[in-house]
């Protein structure tokens, strides 16, 4: 079974305490903060789990605006689907309803997938992490010919984020 390239918003991060390999909650927080802005997440500690969930107001107030920015950088051939996604999200009143839309997997470019990852605590210690990802870009199995849309997205992203005009000459290839 192949892997898929997935980009998205971390909706929830779950760490089983029995898989933390003696790491402290503070160590986990520090390492997660190296990858994510942890101020965007609420934290809940349960008997067996540490759970970080994106704050409801962040998802409700910022997701659509963020998607518009990102969709404008991606391949124009998906413009109709992007428009449908934004229309459906606008109909949702709560973060739970938005997540439900993603969980229903009605759209290729807005779906919830579970990703298994880990965070390094030290060179000899890591913690298993399960992530609920609200996928906003999904490329097929990782074959060389399936990268084109993603590479064009990266090119536009680099150009948009640079203040130097030379960025207009930036390209990305797999050769």
C-alpha atoms as a PDB file:
ATOM      1  CA  UNK A   1       0.000   0.000   0.000  1.00  0.00           C
ATOM      2  CA  UNK A   2       1.429   3.384  -1.006  1.00  0.00           C
ATOM      3  CA  UNK A   3       1.641   6.603   0.914  1.00  0.00           C
ATOM      4  CA  UNK A   4      -0.146   9.825   0.034  1.00  0.00           C
ATOM      5  CA  UNK A   5       1.125  13.360   0.320  1.00  0.00           C
ATOM      6  CA  UNK A   6      -1.211  15.204   2.694  1.00  0.00           C
ATOM      7  CA  UNK A   7      -1.106  18.820   3.867  1.00  0.00           C
ATOM      8  CA  UNK A   8      -3.531  20.160   6.402  1.00  0.00           C
ATOM      9  CA  UNK A   9      -4.480  21.636   9.728  1.00  0.00           C
ATOM     10  CA  UNK A  10      -3.864  19.597  12.865  1.00  0.00           C
ATOM     11  CA  UNK A  11      -7.254  19.377  14.489  1.00  0.00           C
ATOM     12  CA  UNK A  12      -6.295  17.117  17.351  1.00  0.00           C
ATOM     13  CA  UNK A  13      -3.093  15.580  18.679  1.00  0.00           C
ATOM     14  CA  UNK A  14      -3.342  12.556  20.950  1.00  0.00           C
ATOM     15  CA  UNK A  15      -0.452  11.052  22.847  1.00  0.00           C
ATOM     16  CA  UNK A  16      -0.881   7.840  24.799  1.00  0.00           C
ATOM     17  CA  UNK A  17       0.856   8.194  28.140  1.00  0.00           C
ATOM     18  CA  UNK A  18       2.132   4.612  27.990  1.00  0.00           C
ATOM     19  CA  UNK A  19       3.968   5.496  24.735  1.00  0.00           C
ATOM     20  CA  UNK A  20       5.748   8.605  26.029  1.00  0.00           C
ATOM     21  CA  UNK A  21       8.869   6.677  27.075  1.00  0.00           C
ATOM     22  CA  UNK A  22       9.217   8.564  30.381  1.00  0.00           C
ATOM     23  CA  UNK A  23       8.972  11.970  28.731  1.00  0.00           C
ATOM     24  CA  UNK A  24       7.339  14.685  30.794  1.00  0.00           C
ATOM     25  CA  UNK A  25       4.351  16.713  29.625  1.00  0.00           C
ATOM     26  CA  UNK A  26       6.643  19.763  29.524  1.00  0.00           C
ATOM     27  CA  UNK A  27       9.074  17.947  27.225  1.00  0.00           C
ATOM     28  CA  UNK A  28       6.203  16.929  24.937  1.00  0.00           C
ATOM     29  CA  UNK A  29       4.952  20.528  24.850  1.00  0.00           C
ATOM     30  CA  UNK A  30       8.400  21.863  23.970  1.00  0.00           C
ATOM     31  CA  UNK A  31       8.844  19.404  21.126  1.00  0.00           C
ATOM     32  CA  UNK A  32       5.335  19.965  19.768  1.00  0.00           C
ATOM     33  CA  UNK A  33       5.999  23.719  19.923  1.00  0.00           C
ATOM     34  CA  UNK A  34       8.954  23.182  17.582  1.00  0.00           C
ATOM     35  CA  UNK A  35       6.454  22.066  14.923  1.00  0.00           C
ATOM     36  CA  UNK A  36       3.232  23.898  15.800  1.00  0.00           C
ATOM     37  CA  UNK A  37       2.007  27.049  17.494  1.00  0.00           C
ATOM     38  CA  UNK A  38       0.702  25.418  20.667  1.00  0.00           C
ATOM     39  CA  UNK A  39      -1.166  28.610  21.654  1.00  0.00           C
ATOM     40  CA  UNK A  40      -3.728  27.543  19.042  1.00  0.00           C
ATOM     41  CA  UNK A  41      -4.587  24.389  21.002  1.00  0.00           C
ATOM     42  CA  UNK A  42      -6.503  23.565  24.152  1.00  0.00           C
ATOM     43  CA  UNK A  43      -4.870  20.936  26.366  1.00  0.00           C
ATOM     44  CA  UNK A  44      -6.639  18.148  28.216  1.00  0.00           C
ATOM     45  CA  UNK A  45      -5.020  15.454  30.308  1.00  0.00           C
ATOM     46  CA  UNK A  46      -6.875  12.190  30.809  1.00  0.00           C
ATOM     47  CA  UNK A  47      -5.866   9.003  32.599  1.00  0.00           C
ATOM     48  CA  UNK A  48      -4.352   7.394  29.505  1.00  0.00           C
ATOM     49  CA  UNK A  49      -3.929  10.295  27.082  1.00  0.00           C
ATOM     50  CA  UNK A  50      -2.678  13.822  26.523  1.00  0.00           C
ATOM     51  CA  UNK A  51      -5.017  15.582  24.098  1.00  0.00           C
ATOM     52  CA  UNK A  52      -4.365  18.841  22.255  1.00  0.00           C
ATOM     53  CA  UNK A  53      -7.352  20.139  20.274  1.00  0.00           C
ATOM     54  CA  UNK A  54      -7.376  23.218  18.082  1.00  0.00           C
ATOM     55  CA  UNK A  55      -9.378  25.969  19.746  1.00  0.00           C
ATOM     56  CA  UNK A  56     -12.931  26.199  18.441  1.00  0.00           C
ATOM     57  CA  UNK A  57     -12.757  29.933  17.768  1.00  0.00           C
ATOM     58  CA  UNK A  58      -9.546  29.507  15.747  1.00  0.00           C
ATOM     59  CA  UNK A  59     -11.188  26.947  13.480  1.00  0.00           C
ATOM     60  CA  UNK A  60     -14.466  28.844  13.187  1.00  0.00           C
ATOM     61  CA  UNK A  61     -12.940  32.283  12.579  1.00  0.00           C
ATOM     62  CA  UNK A  62      -9.826  31.525  10.564  1.00  0.00           C
ATOM     63  CA  UNK A  63     -10.242  28.311   8.567  1.00  0.00           C
ATOM     64  CA  UNK A  64     -12.137  29.783   5.607  1.00  0.00           C
ATOM     65  CA  UNK A  65      -9.768  32.740   5.280  1.00  0.00           C
ATOM     66  CA  UNK A  66      -6.766  30.434   5.456  1.00  0.00           C
ATOM     67  CA  UNK A  67      -8.254  28.121   2.837  1.00  0.00           C
ATOM     68  CA  UNK A  68      -8.878  31.015   0.451  1.00  0.00           C
ATOM     69  CA  UNK A  69      -5.207  32.029   0.769  1.00  0.00           C
ATOM     70  CA  UNK A  70      -3.962  28.499   0.179  1.00  0.00           C
ATOM     71  CA  UNK A  71      -6.399  27.559  -2.577  1.00  0.00           C
ATOM     72  CA  UNK A  72      -5.332  30.685  -4.500  1.00  0.00           C
ATOM     73  CA  UNK A  73      -1.799  29.290  -4.589  1.00  0.00           C
ATOM     74  CA  UNK A  74      -2.785  25.822  -5.754  1.00  0.00           C
ATOM     75  CA  UNK A  75      -3.603  24.433  -9.178  1.00  0.00           C
ATOM     76  CA  UNK A  76      -6.426  26.383 -10.865  1.00  0.00           C
ATOM     77  CA  UNK A  77      -7.963  23.184 -12.277  1.00  0.00           C
ATOM     78  CA  UNK A  78      -9.440  22.549  -8.803  1.00  0.00           C
ATOM     79  CA  UNK A  79     -11.084  25.979  -8.542  1.00  0.00           C
ATOM     80  CA  UNK A  80     -14.642  24.588  -8.723  1.00  0.00           C
ATOM     81  CA  UNK A  81     -14.020  22.074  -5.943  1.00  0.00           C
ATOM     82  CA  UNK A  82     -12.362  24.743  -3.793  1.00  0.00           C
ATOM     83  CA  UNK A  83     -15.411  26.966  -4.240  1.00  0.00           C
ATOM     84  CA  UNK A  84     -17.747  24.136  -3.217  1.00  0.00           C
ATOM     85  CA  UNK A  85     -15.649  23.437  -0.110  1.00  0.00           C
ATOM     86  CA  UNK A  86     -15.737  27.071   0.982  1.00  0.00           C
ATOM     87  CA  UNK A  87     -19.505  27.224   0.390  1.00  0.00           C
ATOM     88  CA  UNK A  88     -20.077  24.122   2.523  1.00  0.00           C
ATOM     89  CA  UNK A  89     -17.825  25.353   5.334  1.00  0.00           C
ATOM     90  CA  UNK A  90     -19.701  28.678   5.362  1.00  0.00           C
ATOM     91  CA  UNK A  91     -22.925  26.746   6.058  1.00  0.00           C
ATOM     92  CA  UNK A  92     -21.417  25.276   9.255  1.00  0.00           C
ATOM     93  CA  UNK A  93     -21.957  27.181  12.501  1.00  0.00           C
ATOM     94  CA  UNK A  94     -19.595  25.338  14.844  1.00  0.00           C
ATOM     95  CA  UNK A  95     -16.167  23.751  14.771  1.00  0.00           C
ATOM     96  CA  UNK A  96     -17.818  20.357  15.406  1.00  0.00           C
ATOM     97  CA  UNK A  97     -19.890  20.792  12.251  1.00  0.00           C
ATOM     98  CA  UNK A  98     -16.782  21.780  10.279  1.00  0.00           C
ATOM     99  CA  UNK A  99     -14.910  18.706  11.515  1.00  0.00           C
ATOM    100  CA  UNK A 100     -17.942  16.534  10.686  1.00  0.00           C
ATOM    101  CA  UNK A 101     -17.847  17.862   7.105  1.00  0.00           C
ATOM    102  CA  UNK A 102     -14.202  16.814   6.877  1.00  0.00           C
ATOM    103  CA  UNK A 103     -14.929  13.436   8.486  1.00  0.00           C
ATOM    104  CA  UNK A 104     -17.640  12.744   5.895  1.00  0.00           C
ATOM    105  CA  UNK A 105     -14.892  12.921   3.223  1.00  0.00           C
ATOM    106  CA  UNK A 106     -17.179  14.457   0.639  1.00  0.00           C
ATOM    107  CA  UNK A 107     -14.279  16.438  -0.864  1.00  0.00           C
ATOM    108  CA  UNK A 108     -10.811  15.395  -1.935  1.00  0.00           C
ATOM    109  CA  UNK A 109      -9.365  18.670  -0.641  1.00  0.00           C
ATOM    110  CA  UNK A 110     -11.166  18.789   2.690  1.00  0.00           C
ATOM    111  CA  UNK A 111     -11.221  15.582   4.649  1.00  0.00           C
ATOM    112  CA  UNK A 112     -10.199  14.292   8.041  1.00  0.00           C
ATOM    113  CA  UNK A 113      -7.453  11.677   8.112  1.00  0.00           C
ATOM    114  CA  UNK A 114      -5.626  10.093  11.013  1.00  0.00           C
ATOM    115  CA  UNK A 115      -1.854  10.292  10.803  1.00  0.00           C
ATOM    116  CA  UNK A 116       0.618   8.445  13.016  1.00  0.00           C
ATOM    117  CA  UNK A 117       3.734  10.451  13.832  1.00  0.00           C
ATOM    118  CA  UNK A 118       6.264  10.836  16.630  1.00  0.00           C
ATOM    119  CA  UNK A 119       8.129  13.605  18.378  1.00  0.00           C
ATOM    120  CA  UNK A 120      11.762  13.296  19.344  1.00  0.00           C
ATOM    121  CA  UNK A 121      12.370  14.095  22.980  1.00  0.00           C
ATOM    122  CA  UNK A 122      16.083  13.345  22.845  1.00  0.00           C
ATOM    123  CA  UNK A 123      18.350  11.366  20.512  1.00  0.00           C
ATOM    124  CA  UNK A 124      17.295   8.234  22.405  1.00  0.00           C
ATOM    125  CA  UNK A 125      13.718   9.024  23.281  1.00  0.00           C
ATOM    126  CA  UNK A 126      10.557   9.680  21.291  1.00  0.00           C
ATOM    127  CA  UNK A 127       6.815   9.734  21.867  1.00  0.00           C
ATOM    128  CA  UNK A 128       4.172   8.310  19.535  1.00  0.00           C
ATOM    129  CA  UNK A 129       1.645  10.872  18.355  1.00  0.00           C
ATOM    130  CA  UNK A 130      -1.690  10.370  16.639  1.00  0.00           C
ATOM    131  CA  UNK A 131      -2.906  13.372  14.656  1.00  0.00           C
ATOM    132  CA  UNK A 132      -6.363  14.130  13.353  1.00  0.00           C
ATOM    133  CA  UNK A 133      -5.502  16.137  10.247  1.00  0.00           C
ATOM    134  CA  UNK A 134      -7.991  18.292   8.362  1.00  0.00           C
ATOM    135  CA  UNK A 135      -6.465  17.616   4.966  1.00  0.00           C
ATOM    136  CA  UNK A 136      -6.618  20.534   2.545  1.00  0.00           C
ATOM    137  CA  UNK A 137      -4.289  19.147  -0.140  1.00  0.00           C
ATOM    138  CA  UNK A 138      -4.138  15.508  -1.061  1.00  0.00           C
ATOM    139  CA  UNK A 139      -1.926  14.123  -3.792  1.00  0.00           C
ATOM    140  CA  UNK A 140      -2.184  10.578  -5.047  1.00  0.00           C
ATOM    141  CA  UNK A 141       0.179   7.795  -4.196  1.00  0.00           C
ATOM    142  CA  UNK A 142       3.697   9.089  -4.186  1.00  0.00           C
ATOM    143  CA  UNK A 143       4.687   8.444  -7.744  1.00  0.00           C
ATOM    144  CA  UNK A 144       6.909  10.938  -9.516  1.00  0.00           C
ATOM    145  CA  UNK A 145       4.161  11.993 -11.944  1.00  0.00           C
ATOM    146  CA  UNK A 146       1.765  12.912  -9.134  1.00  0.00           C
ATOM    147  CA  UNK A 147       3.936  15.707  -7.754  1.00  0.00           C
ATOM    148  CA  UNK A 148       3.236  18.381 -10.377  1.00  0.00           C
ATOM    149  CA  UNK A 149       0.340  20.132  -8.621  1.00  0.00           C
ATOM    150  CA  UNK A 150       2.223  20.061  -5.336  1.00  0.00           C
ATOM    151  CA  UNK A 151       5.402  21.428  -6.882  1.00  0.00           C
ATOM    152  CA  UNK A 152       3.484  24.291  -8.487  1.00  0.00           C
ATOM    153  CA  UNK A 153       1.929  25.030  -5.093  1.00  0.00           C
ATOM    154  CA  UNK A 154       5.399  25.142  -3.509  1.00  0.00           C
ATOM    155  CA  UNK A 155       6.619  27.498  -6.240  1.00  0.00           C
ATOM    156  CA  UNK A 156       3.736  29.892  -5.621  1.00  0.00           C
ATOM    157  CA  UNK A 157       4.234  29.643  -1.861  1.00  0.00           C
ATOM    158  CA  UNK A 158       7.924  30.555  -2.119  1.00  0.00           C
ATOM    159  CA  UNK A 159       7.143  33.473  -4.422  1.00  0.00           C
ATOM    160  CA  UNK A 160       4.352  34.742  -2.154  1.00  0.00           C
ATOM    161  CA  UNK A 161       6.486  34.568   0.971  1.00  0.00           C
ATOM    162  CA  UNK A 162       9.610  36.213  -0.447  1.00  0.00           C
ATOM    163  CA  UNK A 163      10.177  39.945  -0.613  1.00  0.00           C
ATOM    164  CA  UNK A 164      12.939  39.508  -3.194  1.00  0.00           C
ATOM    165  CA  UNK A 165      12.092  39.802  -6.885  1.00  0.00           C
ATOM    166  CA  UNK A 166      14.428  36.917  -7.699  1.00  0.00           C
ATOM    167  CA  UNK A 167      11.754  34.650  -6.232  1.00  0.00           C
ATOM    168  CA  UNK A 168       9.947  35.119  -9.548  1.00  0.00           C
ATOM    169  CA  UNK A 169      12.595  32.852 -11.065  1.00  0.00           C
ATOM    170  CA  UNK A 170      12.076  30.084  -8.496  1.00  0.00           C
ATOM    171  CA  UNK A 171      10.970  26.656  -9.781  1.00  0.00           C
ATOM    172  CA  UNK A 172      10.704  23.201  -8.206  1.00  0.00           C
ATOM    173  CA  UNK A 173      11.468  19.964 -10.034  1.00  0.00           C
ATOM    174  CA  UNK A 174      11.965  16.279  -9.426  1.00  0.00           C
ATOM    175  CA  UNK A 175      14.589  15.060 -11.835  1.00  0.00           C
END
